[in-house]
N, C-alpha and C. Protein backbone atom coordinates (compact mmCIF):
# COMPACT_ATOMS: atom_id res chain seq x y z
N TYR A 1 -42.18 11.31 -49.26
CA TYR A 1 -40.95 11.83 -48.66
C TYR A 1 -40.53 11.04 -47.43
N SER A 2 -41.46 10.46 -46.72
CA SER A 2 -41.14 9.78 -45.47
C SER A 2 -40.75 8.31 -45.64
N LYS A 3 -40.97 7.73 -46.82
CA LYS A 3 -40.79 6.28 -46.96
C LYS A 3 -39.33 5.84 -46.78
N ASP A 4 -38.35 6.69 -47.11
CA ASP A 4 -36.95 6.30 -46.99
C ASP A 4 -36.26 6.88 -45.75
N LEU A 5 -37.04 7.48 -44.87
CA LEU A 5 -36.45 8.10 -43.68
C LEU A 5 -36.20 7.07 -42.59
N PRO A 6 -35.26 7.36 -41.68
CA PRO A 6 -35.04 6.46 -40.54
C PRO A 6 -36.32 6.31 -39.72
N THR A 7 -36.57 5.11 -39.23
CA THR A 7 -37.75 4.89 -38.40
C THR A 7 -37.50 5.47 -37.02
N PRO A 8 -38.57 5.74 -36.26
CA PRO A 8 -38.38 6.23 -34.89
C PRO A 8 -37.50 5.31 -34.06
N ASP A 9 -37.61 3.99 -34.28
CA ASP A 9 -36.78 3.04 -33.54
C ASP A 9 -35.31 3.22 -33.88
N LYS A 10 -35.02 3.44 -35.16
CA LYS A 10 -33.62 3.64 -35.57
C LYS A 10 -33.06 4.93 -34.98
N ILE A 11 -33.89 5.95 -34.93
CA ILE A 11 -33.46 7.22 -34.34
C ILE A 11 -33.14 7.01 -32.86
N ALA A 12 -33.98 6.25 -32.17
CA ALA A 12 -33.80 6.02 -30.74
C ALA A 12 -32.52 5.22 -30.46
N ARG A 13 -32.17 4.30 -31.39
CA ARG A 13 -30.99 3.46 -31.17
C ARG A 13 -29.70 4.08 -31.68
N ARG A 14 -29.82 5.19 -32.43
CA ARG A 14 -28.63 5.80 -33.01
C ARG A 14 -27.73 6.38 -31.93
N SER A 15 -26.43 6.23 -32.13
CA SER A 15 -25.45 6.79 -31.19
C SER A 15 -24.34 7.47 -31.98
N ALA A 16 -24.08 8.73 -31.67
CA ALA A 16 -23.02 9.47 -32.37
C ALA A 16 -21.66 8.84 -32.09
N THR A 17 -20.79 8.84 -33.09
CA THR A 17 -19.46 8.27 -32.96
C THR A 17 -18.60 9.14 -32.05
N GLN A 18 -17.93 8.50 -31.10
CA GLN A 18 -17.02 9.22 -30.22
C GLN A 18 -15.58 8.99 -30.67
N SER A 19 -14.70 9.89 -30.30
CA SER A 19 -13.29 9.75 -30.63
C SER A 19 -12.64 8.71 -29.73
N THR A 20 -11.52 8.16 -30.20
CA THR A 20 -10.75 7.20 -29.41
C THR A 20 -9.85 7.95 -28.44
N LYS A 21 -9.90 7.57 -27.16
CA LYS A 21 -9.14 8.27 -26.13
C LYS A 21 -8.09 7.34 -25.53
N ILE A 22 -6.87 7.82 -25.43
CA ILE A 22 -5.77 7.06 -24.85
C ILE A 22 -5.34 7.73 -23.54
N TYR A 23 -5.44 6.97 -22.44
CA TYR A 23 -5.12 7.51 -21.12
C TYR A 23 -3.79 6.95 -20.60
N ASP A 24 -3.26 7.57 -19.57
CA ASP A 24 -2.06 7.03 -18.93
C ASP A 24 -2.44 5.79 -18.13
N LYS A 25 -1.46 5.17 -17.48
CA LYS A 25 -1.71 3.89 -16.80
C LYS A 25 -2.69 4.00 -15.64
N THR A 26 -2.88 5.22 -15.13
CA THR A 26 -3.84 5.40 -14.04
C THR A 26 -5.28 5.45 -14.54
N GLY A 27 -5.41 5.71 -15.85
CA GLY A 27 -6.74 5.84 -16.42
C GLY A 27 -7.39 7.17 -16.13
N GLU A 28 -6.64 8.10 -15.58
CA GLU A 28 -7.18 9.40 -15.19
C GLU A 28 -6.76 10.52 -16.14
N ILE A 29 -5.55 10.46 -16.65
CA ILE A 29 -5.01 11.55 -17.47
C ILE A 29 -5.10 11.20 -18.95
N LEU A 30 -5.80 12.04 -19.71
CA LEU A 30 -5.94 11.83 -21.14
C LEU A 30 -4.66 12.24 -21.85
N LEU A 31 -4.03 11.30 -22.54
CA LEU A 31 -2.78 11.58 -23.23
C LEU A 31 -3.01 12.00 -24.68
N TYR A 32 -3.98 11.35 -25.33
CA TYR A 32 -4.17 11.58 -26.76
C TYR A 32 -5.59 11.22 -27.16
N GLU A 33 -6.09 11.92 -28.13
CA GLU A 33 -7.44 11.68 -28.62
C GLU A 33 -7.42 11.72 -30.14
N THR A 34 -8.03 10.73 -30.77
CA THR A 34 -7.96 10.66 -32.22
C THR A 34 -9.30 10.20 -32.80
N GLY A 35 -9.51 10.53 -34.06
CA GLY A 35 -10.74 10.16 -34.74
C GLY A 35 -11.08 11.18 -35.79
N GLU A 36 -12.01 10.81 -36.67
CA GLU A 36 -12.44 11.76 -37.70
C GLU A 36 -13.01 13.01 -37.07
N GLN A 37 -13.74 12.82 -35.96
CA GLN A 37 -14.23 13.94 -35.16
C GLN A 37 -13.86 13.70 -33.70
N ILE A 38 -13.47 14.78 -33.02
CA ILE A 38 -13.19 14.70 -31.59
C ILE A 38 -14.51 14.96 -30.87
N ARG A 39 -15.04 13.92 -30.21
CA ARG A 39 -16.34 14.05 -29.56
C ARG A 39 -16.39 13.19 -28.31
N THR A 40 -17.00 13.71 -27.26
CA THR A 40 -17.27 12.96 -26.04
C THR A 40 -18.75 13.14 -25.71
N ILE A 41 -19.50 12.04 -25.70
CA ILE A 41 -20.92 12.10 -25.40
C ILE A 41 -21.12 12.26 -23.90
N VAL A 42 -21.94 13.20 -23.50
CA VAL A 42 -22.24 13.41 -22.08
C VAL A 42 -23.75 13.42 -21.87
N LYS A 43 -24.15 13.25 -20.62
CA LYS A 43 -25.56 13.28 -20.26
C LYS A 43 -26.00 14.72 -19.99
N SER A 44 -27.29 14.89 -19.88
CA SER A 44 -27.85 16.23 -19.70
C SER A 44 -27.28 16.95 -18.48
N ASP A 45 -27.11 16.21 -17.37
CA ASP A 45 -26.61 16.86 -16.16
C ASP A 45 -25.13 17.21 -16.22
N GLN A 46 -24.45 16.81 -17.31
CA GLN A 46 -23.05 17.18 -17.52
C GLN A 46 -22.92 18.38 -18.45
N LEU A 47 -24.06 18.93 -18.82
CA LEU A 47 -24.10 20.14 -19.63
C LEU A 47 -24.72 21.25 -18.78
N PRO A 48 -23.99 22.32 -18.53
CA PRO A 48 -24.49 23.35 -17.60
C PRO A 48 -25.68 24.12 -18.17
N ASP A 49 -26.54 24.58 -17.28
CA ASP A 49 -27.71 25.35 -17.71
C ASP A 49 -27.29 26.59 -18.50
N VAL A 50 -26.16 27.20 -18.12
CA VAL A 50 -25.73 28.43 -18.79
C VAL A 50 -25.43 28.17 -20.27
N LEU A 51 -24.91 26.99 -20.60
CA LEU A 51 -24.65 26.65 -22.00
C LEU A 51 -25.96 26.36 -22.73
N LYS A 52 -26.86 25.67 -22.08
CA LYS A 52 -28.17 25.39 -22.68
C LYS A 52 -28.92 26.69 -22.97
N GLU A 53 -28.89 27.60 -21.98
CA GLU A 53 -29.60 28.87 -22.13
C GLU A 53 -28.97 29.74 -23.22
N ALA A 54 -27.65 29.74 -23.29
CA ALA A 54 -26.97 30.52 -24.32
C ALA A 54 -27.28 29.98 -25.71
N THR A 55 -27.30 28.66 -25.84
CA THR A 55 -27.59 28.02 -27.13
C THR A 55 -29.01 28.32 -27.58
N ILE A 56 -29.96 28.19 -26.67
CA ILE A 56 -31.35 28.48 -27.00
C ILE A 56 -31.52 29.95 -27.37
N ALA A 57 -30.87 30.83 -26.63
CA ALA A 57 -31.01 32.28 -26.86
C ALA A 57 -30.60 32.67 -28.27
N ILE A 58 -29.54 32.06 -28.79
CA ILE A 58 -29.02 32.48 -30.10
C ILE A 58 -29.53 31.61 -31.25
N GLU A 59 -29.83 30.33 -30.97
CA GLU A 59 -30.20 29.42 -32.05
C GLU A 59 -31.70 29.22 -32.21
N ASP A 60 -32.45 29.29 -31.10
CA ASP A 60 -33.87 28.92 -31.20
C ASP A 60 -34.60 29.41 -29.95
N ASP A 61 -34.86 30.71 -29.89
CA ASP A 61 -35.43 31.27 -28.66
C ASP A 61 -36.88 30.85 -28.41
N ASN A 62 -37.48 30.16 -29.37
CA ASN A 62 -38.84 29.66 -29.19
C ASN A 62 -38.85 28.14 -28.96
N PHE A 63 -37.69 27.61 -28.58
CA PHE A 63 -37.48 26.17 -28.49
C PHE A 63 -38.54 25.45 -27.65
N TYR A 64 -38.88 26.02 -26.52
CA TYR A 64 -39.81 25.34 -25.61
C TYR A 64 -41.28 25.52 -25.99
N ASN A 65 -41.54 26.25 -27.05
CA ASN A 65 -42.92 26.52 -27.44
C ASN A 65 -43.34 25.90 -28.77
N HIS A 66 -42.39 25.40 -29.56
CA HIS A 66 -42.76 24.82 -30.85
C HIS A 66 -42.73 23.30 -30.82
N ASN A 67 -43.23 22.69 -31.89
CA ASN A 67 -43.29 21.23 -31.98
C ASN A 67 -42.32 20.68 -33.03
N GLY A 68 -41.17 21.31 -33.14
CA GLY A 68 -40.16 20.81 -34.08
C GLY A 68 -39.79 21.82 -35.14
N PHE A 69 -40.72 22.69 -35.49
CA PHE A 69 -40.41 23.76 -36.44
C PHE A 69 -41.06 25.05 -35.97
N ASP A 70 -40.49 26.15 -36.41
CA ASP A 70 -40.92 27.47 -35.94
C ASP A 70 -41.49 28.27 -37.11
N PRO A 71 -42.81 28.37 -37.25
CA PRO A 71 -43.41 29.11 -38.37
C PRO A 71 -42.91 30.55 -38.46
N ARG A 72 -42.71 31.19 -37.31
CA ARG A 72 -42.23 32.57 -37.29
C ARG A 72 -40.85 32.68 -37.91
N GLY A 73 -39.95 31.78 -37.49
CA GLY A 73 -38.60 31.78 -38.04
C GLY A 73 -38.58 31.44 -39.52
N LEU A 74 -39.47 30.53 -39.92
CA LEU A 74 -39.55 30.13 -41.33
C LEU A 74 -40.01 31.30 -42.19
N MET A 75 -41.03 32.02 -41.73
CA MET A 75 -41.52 33.18 -42.47
C MET A 75 -40.46 34.28 -42.53
N SER A 76 -39.73 34.47 -41.44
CA SER A 76 -38.66 35.47 -41.40
C SER A 76 -37.58 35.15 -42.43
N ALA A 77 -37.21 33.86 -42.52
CA ALA A 77 -36.18 33.46 -43.46
C ALA A 77 -36.64 33.67 -44.90
N VAL A 78 -37.93 33.35 -45.16
CA VAL A 78 -38.48 33.56 -46.51
C VAL A 78 -38.45 35.04 -46.85
N TRP A 79 -38.85 35.89 -45.91
CA TRP A 79 -38.85 37.33 -46.15
C TRP A 79 -37.44 37.85 -46.42
N GLN A 80 -36.47 37.39 -45.65
CA GLN A 80 -35.09 37.82 -45.85
C GLN A 80 -34.57 37.41 -47.22
N LYS A 81 -34.96 36.21 -47.66
CA LYS A 81 -34.52 35.75 -48.98
C LYS A 81 -35.17 36.57 -50.09
N VAL A 82 -36.48 36.82 -49.96
CA VAL A 82 -37.21 37.60 -50.96
C VAL A 82 -36.71 39.04 -51.02
N SER A 83 -36.41 39.61 -49.85
CA SER A 83 -35.99 41.01 -49.79
C SER A 83 -34.50 41.19 -50.08
N GLY A 84 -33.79 40.07 -50.23
CA GLY A 84 -32.37 40.15 -50.58
C GLY A 84 -31.45 40.36 -49.40
N GLN A 85 -31.96 40.23 -48.16
CA GLN A 85 -31.10 40.37 -46.98
C GLN A 85 -30.24 39.12 -46.85
N THR A 86 -28.96 39.33 -46.59
CA THR A 86 -28.04 38.19 -46.47
C THR A 86 -27.48 38.04 -45.07
N SER A 87 -27.61 39.05 -44.24
CA SER A 87 -27.04 39.00 -42.89
C SER A 87 -28.11 38.53 -41.92
N ARG A 88 -27.88 37.37 -41.28
CA ARG A 88 -28.84 36.83 -40.33
C ARG A 88 -28.14 36.45 -39.05
N THR A 89 -28.77 36.74 -37.93
CA THR A 89 -28.19 36.36 -36.65
C THR A 89 -28.47 34.90 -36.35
N ARG A 90 -29.54 34.36 -36.93
CA ARG A 90 -29.83 32.94 -36.79
C ARG A 90 -30.64 32.50 -37.99
N GLY A 91 -30.64 31.20 -38.25
CA GLY A 91 -31.35 30.69 -39.40
C GLY A 91 -32.80 30.38 -39.07
N ALA A 92 -33.50 29.79 -40.06
CA ALA A 92 -34.90 29.46 -39.86
C ALA A 92 -35.06 28.12 -39.16
N SER A 93 -34.04 27.30 -39.14
CA SER A 93 -34.13 25.96 -38.56
C SER A 93 -34.12 26.01 -37.03
N THR A 94 -34.98 25.20 -36.44
CA THR A 94 -35.00 25.06 -34.99
C THR A 94 -33.84 24.17 -34.55
N ILE A 95 -33.62 24.11 -33.26
CA ILE A 95 -32.60 23.22 -32.72
C ILE A 95 -32.89 21.77 -33.11
N THR A 96 -34.16 21.38 -33.08
CA THR A 96 -34.54 20.03 -33.47
C THR A 96 -34.21 19.76 -34.93
N GLN A 97 -34.52 20.70 -35.80
CA GLN A 97 -34.20 20.56 -37.22
C GLN A 97 -32.70 20.50 -37.45
N GLN A 98 -31.95 21.31 -36.73
CA GLN A 98 -30.50 21.31 -36.90
C GLN A 98 -29.90 19.97 -36.47
N PHE A 99 -30.43 19.39 -35.39
CA PHE A 99 -29.96 18.07 -34.98
C PHE A 99 -30.23 17.05 -36.07
N VAL A 100 -31.45 17.06 -36.60
CA VAL A 100 -31.83 16.13 -37.67
C VAL A 100 -30.90 16.28 -38.87
N LYS A 101 -30.65 17.52 -39.27
CA LYS A 101 -29.80 17.76 -40.44
C LYS A 101 -28.38 17.25 -40.22
N ASN A 102 -27.83 17.50 -39.04
CA ASN A 102 -26.45 17.10 -38.75
C ASN A 102 -26.31 15.60 -38.52
N ALA A 103 -27.30 15.00 -37.85
CA ALA A 103 -27.16 13.61 -37.42
C ALA A 103 -27.77 12.60 -38.38
N LEU A 104 -28.82 12.97 -39.08
CA LEU A 104 -29.59 11.98 -39.82
C LEU A 104 -29.70 12.22 -41.32
N LEU A 105 -29.45 13.42 -41.78
CA LEU A 105 -29.59 13.73 -43.20
C LEU A 105 -28.30 14.34 -43.75
N ASP A 106 -28.25 14.49 -45.07
CA ASP A 106 -27.10 15.19 -45.67
C ASP A 106 -27.39 16.69 -45.64
N SER A 107 -26.43 17.47 -46.09
CA SER A 107 -26.56 18.93 -45.99
C SER A 107 -26.96 19.60 -47.30
N GLU A 108 -27.44 18.82 -48.26
CA GLU A 108 -27.83 19.43 -49.54
C GLU A 108 -29.00 20.37 -49.33
N ARG A 109 -28.99 21.47 -50.07
CA ARG A 109 -30.04 22.48 -49.93
C ARG A 109 -31.12 22.26 -50.98
N THR A 110 -32.03 21.34 -50.71
CA THR A 110 -33.13 21.05 -51.63
C THR A 110 -34.44 21.06 -50.86
N LEU A 111 -35.54 21.24 -51.61
CA LEU A 111 -36.86 21.24 -50.99
C LEU A 111 -37.16 19.87 -50.40
N ALA A 112 -36.77 18.81 -51.10
CA ALA A 112 -37.02 17.44 -50.62
C ALA A 112 -36.36 17.20 -49.27
N ARG A 113 -35.09 17.64 -49.15
CA ARG A 113 -34.39 17.44 -47.88
C ARG A 113 -35.03 18.24 -46.76
N LYS A 114 -35.51 19.44 -47.08
CA LYS A 114 -36.16 20.28 -46.07
C LYS A 114 -37.45 19.64 -45.58
N ILE A 115 -38.20 19.03 -46.50
CA ILE A 115 -39.44 18.36 -46.11
C ILE A 115 -39.13 17.17 -45.20
N LYS A 116 -38.12 16.39 -45.57
CA LYS A 116 -37.71 15.25 -44.75
C LYS A 116 -37.26 15.72 -43.36
N GLU A 117 -36.55 16.84 -43.35
CA GLU A 117 -36.07 17.42 -42.09
C GLU A 117 -37.25 17.78 -41.18
N LEU A 118 -38.28 18.37 -41.75
CA LEU A 118 -39.47 18.74 -40.98
C LEU A 118 -40.18 17.52 -40.43
N ILE A 119 -40.31 16.48 -41.26
CA ILE A 119 -40.99 15.24 -40.82
C ILE A 119 -40.25 14.63 -39.63
N LEU A 120 -38.93 14.49 -39.76
CA LEU A 120 -38.14 13.89 -38.68
C LEU A 120 -38.15 14.76 -37.43
N ALA A 121 -38.12 16.08 -37.60
CA ALA A 121 -38.14 16.98 -36.45
C ALA A 121 -39.43 16.81 -35.65
N ILE A 122 -40.54 16.70 -36.34
CA ILE A 122 -41.83 16.52 -35.67
C ILE A 122 -41.86 15.17 -34.95
N GLU A 123 -41.32 14.11 -35.60
CA GLU A 123 -41.26 12.79 -34.97
C GLU A 123 -40.42 12.83 -33.68
N LEU A 124 -39.28 13.52 -33.75
CA LEU A 124 -38.42 13.61 -32.57
C LEU A 124 -39.11 14.32 -31.43
N GLU A 125 -39.85 15.37 -31.74
CA GLU A 125 -40.55 16.12 -30.71
C GLU A 125 -41.61 15.27 -30.02
N VAL A 126 -42.18 14.30 -30.75
CA VAL A 126 -43.16 13.39 -30.16
C VAL A 126 -42.47 12.35 -29.28
N MET A 127 -41.28 11.89 -29.72
CA MET A 127 -40.58 10.80 -29.05
C MET A 127 -39.81 11.23 -27.81
N TYR A 128 -39.26 12.44 -27.83
CA TYR A 128 -38.32 12.85 -26.79
C TYR A 128 -38.78 14.13 -26.10
N SER A 129 -38.28 14.33 -24.89
CA SER A 129 -38.53 15.58 -24.18
C SER A 129 -37.64 16.67 -24.76
N LYS A 130 -37.94 17.90 -24.44
CA LYS A 130 -37.13 19.02 -24.92
C LYS A 130 -35.69 18.90 -24.41
N ASP A 131 -35.53 18.51 -23.16
CA ASP A 131 -34.18 18.40 -22.61
C ASP A 131 -33.38 17.30 -23.31
N GLU A 132 -34.04 16.20 -23.65
CA GLU A 132 -33.36 15.12 -24.37
C GLU A 132 -32.92 15.58 -25.75
N ILE A 133 -33.77 16.33 -26.44
CA ILE A 133 -33.43 16.83 -27.77
C ILE A 133 -32.27 17.82 -27.68
N LEU A 134 -32.32 18.71 -26.70
CA LEU A 134 -31.24 19.69 -26.53
C LEU A 134 -29.92 18.99 -26.21
N THR A 135 -29.96 17.96 -25.41
CA THR A 135 -28.75 17.20 -25.07
C THR A 135 -28.19 16.51 -26.31
N MET A 136 -29.05 15.89 -27.11
CA MET A 136 -28.60 15.25 -28.35
C MET A 136 -27.95 16.27 -29.28
N TYR A 137 -28.57 17.43 -29.37
CA TYR A 137 -28.05 18.50 -30.21
C TYR A 137 -26.66 18.95 -29.75
N LEU A 138 -26.52 19.19 -28.45
CA LEU A 138 -25.24 19.67 -27.92
C LEU A 138 -24.14 18.60 -27.99
N ASN A 139 -24.52 17.34 -28.09
CA ASN A 139 -23.55 16.27 -28.28
C ASN A 139 -23.18 16.07 -29.75
N GLU A 140 -23.96 16.62 -30.66
CA GLU A 140 -23.81 16.34 -32.09
C GLU A 140 -23.15 17.44 -32.89
N ILE A 141 -23.51 18.68 -32.63
CA ILE A 141 -23.16 19.77 -33.55
C ILE A 141 -21.66 20.07 -33.59
N PRO A 142 -21.19 20.57 -34.74
CA PRO A 142 -19.77 20.93 -34.89
C PRO A 142 -19.44 22.26 -34.22
N TYR A 143 -18.23 22.33 -33.69
CA TYR A 143 -17.75 23.55 -33.03
C TYR A 143 -16.45 24.04 -33.65
N GLY A 144 -16.23 23.76 -34.93
CA GLY A 144 -15.03 24.23 -35.60
C GLY A 144 -13.97 23.14 -35.71
N GLY A 145 -13.24 23.14 -36.82
CA GLY A 145 -12.23 22.11 -37.03
C GLY A 145 -12.88 20.74 -37.03
N ASN A 146 -12.29 19.79 -36.32
CA ASN A 146 -12.88 18.46 -36.20
C ASN A 146 -13.50 18.25 -34.82
N ILE A 147 -13.84 19.36 -34.16
CA ILE A 147 -14.44 19.30 -32.83
C ILE A 147 -15.96 19.21 -32.95
N ALA A 148 -16.55 18.18 -32.34
CA ALA A 148 -18.00 18.01 -32.38
C ALA A 148 -18.52 17.78 -30.97
N GLY A 149 -19.59 18.43 -30.63
CA GLY A 149 -20.17 18.29 -29.31
C GLY A 149 -19.58 19.28 -28.32
N ALA A 150 -20.42 19.71 -27.39
CA ALA A 150 -20.04 20.76 -26.45
C ALA A 150 -18.95 20.33 -25.48
N GLU A 151 -18.97 19.07 -25.06
CA GLU A 151 -17.97 18.61 -24.10
C GLU A 151 -16.57 18.67 -24.71
N ALA A 152 -16.43 18.17 -25.94
CA ALA A 152 -15.12 18.21 -26.62
C ALA A 152 -14.69 19.65 -26.87
N ALA A 153 -15.66 20.52 -27.20
CA ALA A 153 -15.34 21.93 -27.44
C ALA A 153 -14.84 22.60 -26.16
N ALA A 154 -15.50 22.33 -25.04
CA ALA A 154 -15.08 22.92 -23.77
C ALA A 154 -13.67 22.47 -23.39
N ARG A 155 -13.39 21.19 -23.57
CA ARG A 155 -12.07 20.66 -23.21
C ARG A 155 -10.99 21.13 -24.17
N THR A 156 -11.33 21.28 -25.45
CA THR A 156 -10.34 21.71 -26.45
C THR A 156 -10.01 23.18 -26.30
N TYR A 157 -11.02 24.02 -26.19
CA TYR A 157 -10.81 25.47 -26.19
C TYR A 157 -10.52 26.05 -24.81
N TYR A 158 -11.01 25.38 -23.75
CA TYR A 158 -10.84 25.94 -22.41
C TYR A 158 -10.15 25.00 -21.43
N GLY A 159 -9.85 23.77 -21.85
CA GLY A 159 -9.14 22.84 -20.98
C GLY A 159 -9.92 22.43 -19.75
N LYS A 160 -11.24 22.39 -19.86
CA LYS A 160 -12.08 22.04 -18.72
C LYS A 160 -13.35 21.34 -19.21
N PRO A 161 -14.02 20.58 -18.35
CA PRO A 161 -15.30 19.99 -18.75
C PRO A 161 -16.37 21.05 -18.91
N ALA A 162 -17.40 20.74 -19.65
CA ALA A 162 -18.46 21.70 -19.91
C ALA A 162 -19.12 22.19 -18.62
N THR A 163 -19.16 21.35 -17.61
CA THR A 163 -19.80 21.73 -16.34
C THR A 163 -19.12 22.91 -15.67
N GLU A 164 -17.86 23.18 -16.03
CA GLU A 164 -17.12 24.27 -15.38
C GLU A 164 -17.06 25.54 -16.23
N LEU A 165 -17.80 25.60 -17.32
CA LEU A 165 -17.77 26.78 -18.18
C LEU A 165 -18.34 28.00 -17.46
N SER A 166 -17.70 29.14 -17.68
CA SER A 166 -18.23 30.40 -17.17
C SER A 166 -19.30 30.90 -18.13
N LEU A 167 -19.98 31.98 -17.74
CA LEU A 167 -21.00 32.57 -18.59
C LEU A 167 -20.41 32.99 -19.94
N ALA A 168 -19.29 33.70 -19.92
CA ALA A 168 -18.67 34.18 -21.16
C ALA A 168 -18.20 33.01 -22.02
N GLU A 169 -17.65 31.97 -21.41
CA GLU A 169 -17.17 30.81 -22.16
C GLU A 169 -18.33 30.07 -22.81
N ALA A 170 -19.43 29.91 -22.08
CA ALA A 170 -20.61 29.25 -22.62
C ALA A 170 -21.19 30.04 -23.79
N ALA A 171 -21.23 31.36 -23.64
CA ALA A 171 -21.74 32.21 -24.72
C ALA A 171 -20.85 32.13 -25.96
N THR A 172 -19.54 32.02 -25.75
CA THR A 172 -18.62 31.89 -26.88
C THR A 172 -18.86 30.59 -27.62
N LEU A 173 -19.02 29.50 -26.90
CA LEU A 173 -19.30 28.22 -27.56
C LEU A 173 -20.63 28.26 -28.29
N ALA A 174 -21.62 28.89 -27.69
CA ALA A 174 -22.93 28.98 -28.33
C ALA A 174 -22.88 29.81 -29.62
N ALA A 175 -21.89 30.68 -29.72
CA ALA A 175 -21.76 31.54 -30.91
C ALA A 175 -21.21 30.81 -32.12
N ILE A 176 -20.56 29.67 -31.91
CA ILE A 176 -19.82 29.00 -32.99
C ILE A 176 -20.69 28.22 -33.98
N PRO A 177 -21.67 27.40 -33.54
CA PRO A 177 -22.32 26.45 -34.46
C PRO A 177 -23.01 27.04 -35.67
N GLN A 178 -23.43 28.30 -35.63
CA GLN A 178 -24.08 28.87 -36.81
C GLN A 178 -23.18 28.78 -38.04
N SER A 179 -21.88 28.97 -37.84
CA SER A 179 -20.91 28.87 -38.93
C SER A 179 -19.56 28.45 -38.32
N PRO A 180 -19.39 27.14 -38.07
CA PRO A 180 -18.20 26.66 -37.34
C PRO A 180 -16.87 27.01 -38.01
N THR A 181 -16.86 27.07 -39.34
CA THR A 181 -15.62 27.42 -40.04
C THR A 181 -15.33 28.91 -39.89
N TYR A 182 -16.36 29.73 -40.05
CA TYR A 182 -16.18 31.18 -39.97
C TYR A 182 -15.80 31.61 -38.55
N TYR A 183 -16.48 31.03 -37.54
CA TYR A 183 -16.25 31.43 -36.14
C TYR A 183 -15.25 30.52 -35.42
N TYR A 184 -14.47 29.76 -36.16
CA TYR A 184 -13.49 28.85 -35.57
C TYR A 184 -12.55 29.63 -34.64
N PRO A 185 -12.49 29.29 -33.36
CA PRO A 185 -11.70 30.07 -32.39
C PRO A 185 -10.22 30.18 -32.74
N TYR A 186 -9.67 29.20 -33.45
CA TYR A 186 -8.26 29.24 -33.81
C TYR A 186 -8.05 29.84 -35.20
N GLY A 187 -9.10 30.41 -35.76
CA GLY A 187 -9.02 31.01 -37.09
C GLY A 187 -8.63 32.47 -37.04
N THR A 188 -8.95 33.20 -38.09
CA THR A 188 -8.54 34.59 -38.22
C THR A 188 -9.66 35.58 -37.91
N ARG A 189 -10.84 35.08 -37.52
CA ARG A 189 -11.98 35.97 -37.28
C ARG A 189 -12.37 36.00 -35.81
N THR A 190 -11.40 36.13 -34.95
CA THR A 190 -11.70 36.14 -33.52
C THR A 190 -12.51 37.37 -33.10
N GLU A 191 -12.30 38.50 -33.78
CA GLU A 191 -13.09 39.70 -33.45
C GLU A 191 -14.57 39.47 -33.76
N GLU A 192 -14.84 38.81 -34.88
CA GLU A 192 -16.22 38.50 -35.23
C GLU A 192 -16.83 37.52 -34.23
N LEU A 193 -16.04 36.55 -33.78
CA LEU A 193 -16.51 35.60 -32.77
C LEU A 193 -16.83 36.32 -31.47
N ILE A 194 -15.97 37.25 -31.06
CA ILE A 194 -16.21 38.01 -29.83
C ILE A 194 -17.48 38.85 -29.96
N SER A 195 -17.66 39.45 -31.13
CA SER A 195 -18.85 40.26 -31.38
C SER A 195 -20.12 39.40 -31.28
N ARG A 196 -20.07 38.20 -31.86
CA ARG A 196 -21.23 37.31 -31.80
C ARG A 196 -21.44 36.80 -30.37
N ARG A 197 -20.36 36.54 -29.65
CA ARG A 197 -20.49 36.14 -28.24
C ARG A 197 -21.21 37.22 -27.45
N ASN A 198 -20.85 38.48 -27.68
CA ASN A 198 -21.50 39.59 -26.98
C ASN A 198 -22.98 39.68 -27.34
N TYR A 199 -23.29 39.33 -28.60
CA TYR A 199 -24.69 39.32 -29.02
C TYR A 199 -25.45 38.20 -28.30
N VAL A 200 -24.79 37.05 -28.13
CA VAL A 200 -25.41 35.95 -27.37
C VAL A 200 -25.73 36.41 -25.95
N LEU A 201 -24.77 37.07 -25.31
CA LEU A 201 -24.97 37.56 -23.95
C LEU A 201 -26.12 38.55 -23.89
N LYS A 202 -26.22 39.39 -24.90
CA LYS A 202 -27.33 40.37 -24.95
C LYS A 202 -28.67 39.65 -25.09
N ARG A 203 -28.70 38.61 -25.92
CA ARG A 203 -29.92 37.83 -26.11
C ARG A 203 -30.33 37.12 -24.82
N MET A 204 -29.32 36.66 -24.07
CA MET A 204 -29.63 35.98 -22.81
C MET A 204 -30.25 36.94 -21.80
């Protein structure tokens, strides 16, 4: 399963594609942004703690204690599938696994892909610190429509950089990635998004 996977060196050199930005003549005011995905890569210190904490609370509350995968979450997901439960507040994948799936693998639901995902997740945990992995994740994941990464999401939905997000705004963004199409802020399920945001706040 590992023979065709990206090498650790390739993972380290990989850079997510950013959107093309057109500024006014001063270089200060953004006039237009275009690309297959709207994304702005930022460093860890440009992502507020409140957004990191909200994301961990809803997506992977054991993030700082596992080595890439969460046996507890995996067993919970298996039990839910066997028992026929379809409503889940979060999936079995850790933040590290979700980054791997979005950035390095396709989204097909097969056992082979899941095994590859686990291998790469463990490699990433060896190569990078938790904060580096969380930063890569927040720069990569979709936030609805063609918006990717937390910085682009903050500027699109709130007209401000991620560093200026309030607690409620950070919790709302953290609520989206589980199902970016379903929880799309400009869609028809805003009540469901608000409900999930409140759940994020409760988890925090």
